[in-house]
Amino acid sequence: MIGKGKSISHTKASMSYGWNQEKDAEIVLKEFLHGDSPAEITQEFKMLQDQNYHCSKNTLSFVISPTIDDGKKLDKSKLHNITKQFINEMKLGERQAIAFVHQDKDHKHIHLYVNRIDFKGVAYNDSFIGKRSQLAAEKVAEYMGLTTVKQVQFEKEFNLKEIRTEIKRRHDLTMRQFKPKSFDDYIKAMETNKVKVIPTINNQNKLQGFRFEFQGHNLKGSEVHRNMSIGNVGKQIAGIEGAQILKGTTAGVQIAGKMVDLTPNIALKLSKFILKKVIKKAIQIGTSY
């Protein structure tokens, strides 16, 4: 569950969005209020806010978002409890407050508005309110047995690790199975193994890297594995017998039938690698006589 919070001055406009019937808005909490429209609620807020003319951003606006899966299991009563518990965690009890649930999309979420000015005319301290909102949402999620941001992040990182491993496995399989002799060959071979390789070409028409798209993920080569930067992929291809990764003496390569230049740094690394390979082969041939 995610919590976001900020202080606002445009109470009526923001509350009108929260009360938007097109989003299947439903009131899940209403405290110390009697009005039945954004204008009436705003006026009730204003009666207390007029006691503190020093405070301009005098309404607190929060969004509380359970995960999509958790949201499917939450009825009005549970959404009320979440909102009430969040208010307690934020130490915002005994204040005018109203909350709506939006459920027009799969991602059910709560819009909560609280009067920053209490019944004594004192303004709530909103220092670090964004961070405190997130911490409060974490505590509410833990208390109610819902998914926390930390759990979502852990699952995301775990899944991403598996994706990286699988892309690297398919890269290794491509190199063994197809033995590509150019970047173009490599891109086609990887596509055969269900990984889309997307060349990154800058404004100077220079190839500066590859991105790898697989099962909805799009990662730079260096994010997949340190051996999958374009320079390292180029070295692997250049090491294959009969490979011609560079076209003649230029620093150009062919991608999808078009010639593009390599960045100077990548071109230099590949040229050095190819030269060492040629010298090594010449030495081997010389010593064989």
Protein backbone atom coordinates (compact mmCIF):
# COMPACT_ATOMS: atom_id res chain seq x y z
CA MET A 1 0.00 0.00 0.00
CA ILE A 2 1.22 3.48 -0.90
CA GLY A 3 0.42 6.71 0.93
CA LYS A 4 0.91 10.21 -0.49
CA GLY A 5 0.17 13.49 1.25
CA LYS A 6 0.47 17.25 0.80
CA SER A 7 -1.01 20.55 1.98
CA ILE A 8 -3.24 22.37 -0.52
CA SER A 9 -5.09 25.66 -0.80
CA HIS A 10 -7.57 24.72 -3.56
CA THR A 11 -9.92 22.75 -1.28
CA LYS A 12 -13.11 22.91 -3.36
CA ALA A 13 -11.46 21.98 -6.68
CA SER A 14 -9.56 19.06 -5.16
CA MET A 15 -12.58 17.80 -3.25
CA SER A 16 -14.71 18.02 -6.40
CA TYR A 17 -12.23 15.63 -8.03
CA GLY A 18 -12.47 13.29 -5.04
CA TRP A 19 -16.25 13.37 -5.21
CA ASN A 20 -16.29 12.70 -8.97
CA GLN A 21 -19.24 10.41 -9.67
CA GLU A 22 -17.76 9.40 -13.04
CA LYS A 23 -15.07 7.59 -11.06
CA ASP A 24 -17.73 5.70 -9.05
CA ALA A 25 -16.75 7.79 -6.02
CA GLU A 26 -18.25 6.60 -2.74
CA ILE A 27 -17.86 8.19 0.68
CA VAL A 28 -16.05 5.80 3.04
CA LEU A 29 -15.49 8.22 5.95
CA LYS A 30 -17.03 11.49 7.10
CA GLU A 31 -16.19 13.12 10.42
CA PHE A 32 -17.53 16.33 12.00
CA LEU A 33 -19.18 17.32 8.71
CA HIS A 34 -22.79 17.65 7.54
CA GLY A 35 -22.58 18.95 3.94
CA ASP A 36 -23.59 16.92 0.91
CA SER A 37 -21.50 18.60 -1.79
CA PRO A 38 -17.90 19.79 -2.29
CA ALA A 39 -19.06 23.41 -1.92
CA GLU A 40 -20.82 22.72 1.40
CA ILE A 41 -17.90 20.71 2.81
CA THR A 42 -15.45 23.41 1.71
CA GLN A 43 -17.54 26.01 3.52
CA GLU A 44 -17.52 23.92 6.71
CA PHE A 45 -13.73 23.60 6.44
CA LYS A 46 -13.50 27.37 5.92
CA MET A 47 -15.33 28.16 9.13
CA LEU A 48 -12.40 26.73 11.09
CA GLN A 49 -9.74 27.85 8.62
CA ASP A 50 -10.82 31.49 9.06
CA GLN A 51 -9.59 31.22 12.65
CA ASN A 52 -6.00 30.91 11.40
CA TYR A 53 -5.25 33.56 8.76
CA HIS A 54 -1.49 32.76 8.86
CA CYS A 55 -2.02 29.40 7.13
CA SER A 56 -2.80 29.52 3.39
CA LYS A 57 -2.44 25.83 2.49
CA ASN A 58 -5.00 24.82 5.07
CA THR A 59 -6.34 21.51 3.77
CA LEU A 60 -4.46 18.21 3.89
CA SER A 61 -4.91 15.99 0.83
CA PHE A 62 -3.96 12.29 0.92
CA VAL A 63 -4.12 9.37 -1.50
CA ILE A 64 -4.04 5.87 -0.03
CA SER A 65 -3.49 3.15 -2.63
CA PRO A 66 -3.63 -0.56 -1.79
CA THR A 67 -2.19 -2.94 -4.38
CA ILE A 68 -4.57 -4.03 -7.16
CA ASP A 69 -4.93 -7.52 -5.66
CA ASP A 70 -5.58 -6.17 -2.15
CA GLY A 71 -8.07 -3.63 -3.52
CA LYS A 72 -10.24 -6.38 -4.98
CA LYS A 73 -10.76 -7.80 -1.46
CA LEU A 74 -11.58 -4.50 0.26
CA ASP A 75 -15.25 -3.58 0.81
CA LYS A 76 -16.55 -0.25 2.11
CA SER A 77 -16.17 -1.30 5.75
CA LYS A 78 -12.51 -2.28 5.33
CA LEU A 79 -11.78 0.89 3.35
CA HIS A 80 -13.29 2.87 6.24
CA ASN A 81 -11.03 1.04 8.69
CA ILE A 82 -7.95 1.71 6.55
CA THR A 83 -8.77 5.42 6.41
CA LYS A 84 -9.49 5.62 10.15
CA GLN A 85 -6.27 3.81 11.00
CA PHE A 86 -4.29 6.08 8.64
CA ILE A 87 -5.75 9.18 10.34
CA ASN A 88 -4.69 7.78 13.71
CA GLU A 89 -1.17 7.03 12.48
CA MET A 90 -0.89 10.60 11.18
CA LYS A 91 -2.21 11.91 14.54
CA LEU A 92 -5.07 13.71 12.82
CA GLY A 93 -7.89 12.66 15.13
CA GLU A 94 -10.65 15.07 16.18
CA ARG A 95 -10.61 17.00 12.89
CA GLN A 96 -13.02 17.48 10.05
CA ALA A 97 -12.32 14.81 7.46
CA ILE A 98 -13.94 13.20 4.45
CA ALA A 99 -12.71 10.30 2.28
CA PHE A 100 -13.87 8.84 -1.03
CA VAL A 101 -12.94 5.62 -2.77
CA HIS A 102 -12.37 5.69 -6.53
CA GLN A 103 -13.12 2.36 -8.15
CA ASP A 104 -13.59 3.23 -11.83
CA LYS A 105 -10.39 1.33 -12.63
CA ASP A 106 -8.79 -1.88 -11.39
CA HIS A 107 -6.62 0.12 -9.02
CA LYS A 108 -9.00 1.02 -6.19
CA HIS A 109 -7.73 3.96 -4.11
CA ILE A 110 -8.86 6.42 -1.43
CA HIS A 111 -8.83 10.22 -1.57
CA LEU A 112 -8.80 11.68 1.94
CA TYR A 113 -9.22 15.37 2.84
CA VAL A 114 -8.59 16.61 6.37
CA ASN A 115 -8.91 20.13 7.71
CA ARG A 116 -5.42 21.25 8.66
CA ILE A 117 -6.93 23.66 11.17
CA ASP A 118 -8.34 22.00 14.30
CA PHE A 119 -11.27 23.17 16.45
CA LYS A 120 -8.91 25.42 18.44
CA GLY A 121 -7.66 27.19 15.32
CA VAL A 122 -4.24 25.49 15.44
CA ALA A 123 -2.59 24.36 12.18
CA TYR A 124 -1.25 20.83 11.85
CA ASN A 125 2.54 20.65 11.34
CA ASP A 126 2.96 19.40 7.75
CA SER A 127 6.76 19.03 7.81
CA PHE A 128 7.86 15.98 5.75
CA ILE A 129 4.19 15.10 5.25
CA GLY A 130 4.92 13.09 2.09
CA LYS A 131 7.39 10.82 3.87
CA ARG A 132 5.20 10.52 6.97
CA SER A 133 2.22 9.59 4.78
CA GLN A 134 4.19 6.72 3.26
CA LEU A 135 5.33 5.47 6.68
CA ALA A 136 1.75 5.68 8.00
CA ALA A 137 0.47 3.67 5.01
CA GLU A 138 3.16 1.03 5.67
CA LYS A 139 2.05 0.68 9.30
CA VAL A 140 -1.62 0.45 8.33
CA ALA A 141 -0.83 -2.22 5.73
CA GLU A 142 1.15 -4.25 8.28
CA TYR A 143 -1.59 -3.87 10.89
CA MET A 144 -4.33 -4.98 8.47
CA GLY A 145 -2.32 -7.75 6.79
CA LEU A 146 -2.07 -5.96 3.44
CA THR A 147 0.85 -5.81 1.03
CA THR A 148 3.45 -3.18 1.93
CA VAL A 149 5.66 -1.18 -0.43
CA LYS A 150 8.69 -3.14 0.83
CA GLN A 151 7.04 -6.42 -0.16
CA VAL A 152 6.15 -5.07 -3.61
CA GLN A 153 9.71 -3.80 -4.08
CA PHE A 154 11.17 -7.16 -2.99
CA GLU A 155 8.94 -9.07 -5.43
CA LYS A 156 9.79 -6.62 -8.22
CA GLU A 157 13.54 -7.00 -7.61
CA PHE A 158 13.22 -10.78 -7.34
CA ASN A 159 11.28 -10.99 -10.63
CA LEU A 160 13.74 -8.63 -12.33
CA LYS A 161 16.64 -10.82 -11.23
CA GLU A 162 14.94 -13.80 -12.89
CA ILE A 163 14.35 -11.77 -16.07
CA ARG A 164 18.01 -10.71 -16.19
CA THR A 165 19.14 -14.31 -15.73
CA GLU A 166 16.82 -15.55 -18.48
CA ILE A 167 17.94 -12.88 -20.99
CA LYS A 168 21.58 -13.75 -20.28
CA ARG A 169 20.81 -17.47 -20.72
CA ARG A 170 19.19 -16.81 -24.10
CA HIS A 171 22.12 -14.61 -25.11
CA ASP A 172 24.58 -17.43 -24.30
CA LEU A 173 22.36 -19.89 -26.17
CA THR A 174 22.28 -17.57 -29.19
CA MET A 175 26.07 -17.28 -29.28
CA ARG A 176 26.50 -21.09 -29.13
CA GLN A 177 23.59 -22.03 -31.38
CA PHE A 178 23.79 -19.43 -34.16
CA LYS A 179 27.40 -18.12 -33.89
CA PRO A 180 26.42 -14.67 -35.26
CA LYS A 181 29.13 -12.98 -37.32
CA SER A 182 27.73 -9.43 -37.14
CA PHE A 183 25.48 -7.30 -34.97
CA ASP A 184 22.72 -7.76 -37.53
CA ASP A 185 23.04 -11.55 -37.28
CA TYR A 186 22.99 -11.27 -33.48
CA ILE A 187 19.80 -9.19 -33.43
CA LYS A 188 17.99 -11.66 -35.72
CA ALA A 189 19.25 -14.68 -33.76
CA MET A 190 18.16 -13.19 -30.41
CA GLU A 191 14.72 -12.52 -31.87
CA THR A 192 14.52 -16.21 -32.78
CA ASN A 193 15.11 -16.88 -29.08
CA LYS A 194 12.24 -14.49 -28.20
CA VAL A 195 14.40 -11.56 -27.05
CA LYS A 196 14.05 -8.28 -28.93
CA VAL A 197 17.35 -6.39 -29.24
CA ILE A 198 16.79 -2.65 -29.73
CA PRO A 199 19.77 -0.62 -31.01
CA THR A 200 20.29 2.71 -29.24
CA ILE A 201 21.37 5.23 -31.88
CA ASN A 202 22.13 8.82 -30.86
CA ASN A 203 21.51 12.05 -32.76
CA GLN A 204 24.88 11.73 -34.53
CA ASN A 205 23.74 8.39 -36.03
CA LYS A 206 26.18 6.50 -33.82
CA LEU A 207 25.34 3.15 -32.28
CA GLN A 208 26.00 3.48 -28.57
CA GLY A 209 24.31 0.44 -27.08
CA PHE A 210 21.61 -2.21 -27.06
CA ARG A 211 18.44 -2.55 -25.02
CA PHE A 212 16.87 -5.96 -24.45
CA GLU A 213 13.09 -6.39 -24.40
CA PHE A 214 11.69 -9.57 -22.87
CA GLN A 215 8.32 -10.38 -21.23
CA GLY A 216 7.37 -6.73 -20.77
CA HIS A 217 10.77 -5.66 -19.43
CA ASN A 218 13.13 -3.32 -21.27
CA LEU A 219 16.72 -3.27 -19.95
CA LYS A 220 20.07 -1.88 -21.03
CA GLY A 221 22.69 -4.51 -21.78
CA SER A 222 24.77 -3.47 -18.78
CA GLU A 223 21.66 -3.85 -16.58
CA VAL A 224 21.22 -7.44 -17.75
CA HIS A 225 24.86 -8.49 -17.18
CA ARG A 226 28.25 -6.78 -17.29
CA ASN A 227 29.21 -9.00 -20.25
CA MET A 228 26.25 -7.73 -22.27
CA SER A 229 27.33 -4.16 -22.89
CA ILE A 230 27.61 -3.51 -26.63
CA GLY A 231 31.41 -3.54 -26.40
CA ASN A 232 31.48 -6.97 -24.78
CA VAL A 233 28.84 -8.37 -27.13
CA GLY A 234 30.93 -7.04 -30.02
CA LYS A 235 34.04 -8.78 -28.69
CA GLN A 236 32.16 -12.07 -28.39
CA ILE A 237 30.98 -11.78 -31.99
CA ALA A 238 34.44 -10.74 -33.21
CA GLY A 239 35.87 -13.84 -31.54
CA ILE A 240 33.78 -16.13 -33.75
CA GLU A 241 35.60 -17.61 -36.74
CA GLY A 242 34.77 -15.73 -39.94
CA ALA A 243 33.11 -12.78 -38.17
CA GLN A 244 33.32 -9.36 -39.84
CA ILE A 245 31.86 -7.04 -37.28
CA LEU A 246 33.43 -3.84 -38.66
CA LYS A 247 32.96 -2.92 -42.31
CA GLY A 248 36.41 -2.49 -43.85
CA THR A 249 38.55 0.15 -42.17
CA THR A 250 35.58 2.24 -41.03
CA ALA A 251 33.99 2.28 -37.60
CA GLY A 252 30.63 1.44 -39.12
CA VAL A 253 28.36 -1.54 -38.67
CA GLN A 254 25.26 -2.68 -40.50
CA ILE A 255 21.97 -2.66 -38.57
CA ALA A 256 18.73 -3.67 -40.32
CA GLY A 257 20.30 -3.01 -43.71
CA LYS A 258 21.56 0.46 -42.79
CA MET A 259 25.09 1.59 -41.99
CA VAL A 260 25.60 3.31 -38.65
CA ASP A 261 28.81 4.39 -36.96
CA LEU A 262 29.99 3.17 -33.59
CA THR A 263 30.82 5.69 -30.90
CA PRO A 264 34.61 6.38 -30.86
CA ASN A 265 35.07 4.57 -27.54
CA ILE A 266 33.32 1.38 -28.67
CA ALA A 267 35.03 1.47 -32.09
CA LEU A 268 38.46 1.78 -30.43
CA LYS A 269 37.81 -1.15 -28.07
CA LEU A 270 36.63 -3.41 -30.91
CA SER A 271 39.49 -2.37 -33.20
CA LYS A 272 42.05 -3.18 -30.49
CA PHE A 273 40.39 -6.53 -29.79
CA ILE A 274 40.29 -7.47 -33.49
CA LEU A 275 43.93 -6.39 -33.98
CA LYS A 276 45.07 -8.53 -31.04
CA LYS A 277 43.13 -11.44 -32.48
CA VAL A 278 44.83 -11.01 -35.89
CA ILE A 279 48.30 -10.74 -34.30
CA LYS A 280 47.67 -13.80 -32.13
CA LYS A 281 46.53 -15.84 -35.14
CA ALA A 282 49.60 -14.70 -37.15
CA ILE A 283 51.88 -15.80 -34.33
CA GLN A 284 50.17 -19.17 -34.11
CA ILE A 285 50.53 -19.70 -37.86
CA GLY A 286 54.21 -18.64 -37.67
CA THR A 287 55.06 -21.03 -34.85
CA SER A 288 53.32 -23.93 -36.60
CA TYR A 289 55.98 -24.00 -39.37
